[in-house]
């Protein structure tokens, strides 16, 4: 694994990272790793995670309409 050193971080930024890390039950270092990982993740992966997160806790009912006619015939070659 690589090591990254960041100097001259604004105190307010560090405090915000510390609070965010505490809210997520992580160390500041683990929180920064998570932020960096999310920042460089693939867009497709981020979209699926965002969709999953958006749907958590939602109680969605899908009630397709009842078919009133018979399915049409198809011709296969």
C-alpha atoms as a PDB file:
ATOM      1  CA  UNK A   1       0.000   0.000   0.000  1.00  0.00           C
ATOM      2  CA  UNK A   2       1.102   3.536  -0.682  1.00  0.00           C
ATOM      3  CA  UNK A   3       1.513   6.231   1.947  1.00  0.00           C
ATOM      4  CA  UNK A   4       0.196   9.756   1.470  1.00  0.00           C
ATOM      5  CA  UNK A   5       1.154  12.749   3.611  1.00  0.00           C
ATOM      6  CA  UNK A   6      -0.911  15.932   3.467  1.00  0.00           C
ATOM      7  CA  UNK A   7       0.556  19.045   5.070  1.00  0.00           C
ATOM      8  CA  UNK A   8      -1.004  22.396   5.976  1.00  0.00           C
ATOM      9  CA  UNK A   9      -4.576  21.152   6.357  1.00  0.00           C
ATOM     10  CA  UNK A  10      -6.875  23.923   7.572  1.00  0.00           C
ATOM     11  CA  UNK A  11      -7.862  23.375  11.228  1.00  0.00           C
ATOM     12  CA  UNK A  12     -11.573  23.677  10.385  1.00  0.00           C
ATOM     13  CA  UNK A  13     -11.148  20.995   7.724  1.00  0.00           C
ATOM     14  CA  UNK A  14      -9.402  18.702  10.182  1.00  0.00           C
ATOM     15  CA  UNK A  15     -12.114  19.300  12.782  1.00  0.00           C
ATOM     16  CA  UNK A  16     -14.777  18.504  10.199  1.00  0.00           C
ATOM     17  CA  UNK A  17     -12.985  15.288   9.250  1.00  0.00           C
ATOM     18  CA  UNK A  18     -12.713  14.325  12.918  1.00  0.00           C
ATOM     19  CA  UNK A  19     -16.443  14.892  13.442  1.00  0.00           C
ATOM     20  CA  UNK A  20     -17.341  13.012  10.272  1.00  0.00           C
ATOM     21  CA  UNK A  21     -15.069  10.122  11.274  1.00  0.00           C
ATOM     22  CA  UNK A  22     -16.658   9.953  14.728  1.00  0.00           C
ATOM     23  CA  UNK A  23     -20.147   9.943  13.200  1.00  0.00           C
ATOM     24  CA  UNK A  24     -19.122   7.001  11.000  1.00  0.00           C
ATOM     25  CA  UNK A  25     -17.345   5.143  13.815  1.00  0.00           C
ATOM     26  CA  UNK A  26     -13.912   5.425  12.179  1.00  0.00           C
ATOM     27  CA  UNK A  27     -10.569   7.039  12.811  1.00  0.00           C
ATOM     28  CA  UNK A  28      -9.731  10.226  10.908  1.00  0.00           C
ATOM     29  CA  UNK A  29      -7.249   8.212   8.837  1.00  0.00           C
ATOM     30  CA  UNK A  30      -9.883   5.608   7.928  1.00  0.00           C
ATOM     31  CA  UNK A  31     -12.375   8.359   7.103  1.00  0.00           C
ATOM     32  CA  UNK A  32      -9.909  10.089   4.763  1.00  0.00           C
ATOM     33  CA  UNK A  33      -9.173   6.733   3.077  1.00  0.00           C
ATOM     34  CA  UNK A  34     -12.903   6.203   2.568  1.00  0.00           C
ATOM     35  CA  UNK A  35     -13.328   9.691   1.088  1.00  0.00           C
ATOM     36  CA  UNK A  36     -10.385   9.168  -1.273  1.00  0.00           C
ATOM     37  CA  UNK A  37     -11.620   5.717  -2.314  1.00  0.00           C
ATOM     38  CA  UNK A  38     -15.075   7.142  -3.072  1.00  0.00           C
ATOM     39  CA  UNK A  39     -13.554  10.019  -5.036  1.00  0.00           C
ATOM     40  CA  UNK A  40     -11.710   7.748  -7.464  1.00  0.00           C
ATOM     41  CA  UNK A  41     -14.254   4.931  -7.678  1.00  0.00           C
ATOM     42  CA  UNK A  42     -15.766   4.084 -11.055  1.00  0.00           C
ATOM     43  CA  UNK A  43     -18.940   6.014 -11.995  1.00  0.00           C
ATOM     44  CA  UNK A  44     -20.912   2.809 -12.580  1.00  0.00           C
ATOM     45  CA  UNK A  45     -20.078   1.551  -9.114  1.00  0.00           C
ATOM     46  CA  UNK A  46     -20.921   4.902  -7.549  1.00  0.00           C
ATOM     47  CA  UNK A  47     -24.266   4.957  -9.362  1.00  0.00           C
ATOM     48  CA  UNK A  48     -25.233   1.540  -8.044  1.00  0.00           C
ATOM     49  CA  UNK A  49     -24.207   2.437  -4.514  1.00  0.00           C
ATOM     50  CA  UNK A  50     -26.114   5.718  -4.716  1.00  0.00           C
ATOM     51  CA  UNK A  51     -29.193   3.912  -6.025  1.00  0.00           C
ATOM     52  CA  UNK A  52     -28.961   1.324  -3.278  1.00  0.00           C
ATOM     53  CA  UNK A  53     -28.524   3.997  -0.609  1.00  0.00           C
ATOM     54  CA  UNK A  54     -31.411   6.024  -2.004  1.00  0.00           C
ATOM     55  CA  UNK A  55     -33.723   3.003  -1.837  1.00  0.00           C
ATOM     56  CA  UNK A  56     -32.814   1.915   1.699  1.00  0.00           C
ATOM     57  CA  UNK A  57     -35.690   2.275   4.068  1.00  0.00           C
ATOM     58  CA  UNK A  58     -38.171   2.799   1.275  1.00  0.00           C
ATOM     59  CA  UNK A  59     -41.205   0.557   1.303  1.00  0.00           C
ATOM     60  CA  UNK A  60     -42.074   0.346  -2.367  1.00  0.00           C
ATOM     61  CA  UNK A  61     -44.997  -1.652  -3.666  1.00  0.00           C
ATOM     62  CA  UNK A  62     -45.057  -2.736  -7.271  1.00  0.00           C
ATOM     63  CA  UNK A  63     -48.510  -3.685  -8.427  1.00  0.00           C
ATOM     64  CA  UNK A  64     -48.495  -4.279 -12.160  1.00  0.00           C
ATOM     65  CA  UNK A  65     -51.879  -3.999 -13.851  1.00  0.00           C
ATOM     66  CA  UNK A  66     -53.822  -7.214 -14.208  1.00  0.00           C
ATOM     67  CA  UNK A  67     -53.768  -8.510 -17.763  1.00  0.00           C
ATOM     68  CA  UNK A  68     -57.237  -8.489 -19.256  1.00  0.00           C
ATOM     69  CA  UNK A  69     -56.377  -9.931 -22.644  1.00  0.00           C
ATOM     70  CA  UNK A  70     -54.580 -13.055 -23.727  1.00  0.00           C
ATOM     71  CA  UNK A  71     -50.945 -12.734 -24.719  1.00  0.00           C
ATOM     72  CA  UNK A  72     -50.409 -12.308 -28.444  1.00  0.00           C
ATOM     73  CA  UNK A  73     -48.865 -15.116 -30.458  1.00  0.00           C
ATOM     74  CA  UNK A  74     -45.309 -14.803 -31.680  1.00  0.00           C
ATOM     75  CA  UNK A  75     -43.664 -16.399 -34.679  1.00  0.00           C
ATOM     76  CA  UNK A  76     -40.205 -17.841 -34.325  1.00  0.00           C
ATOM     77  CA  UNK A  77     -37.991 -18.474 -37.356  1.00  0.00           C
END
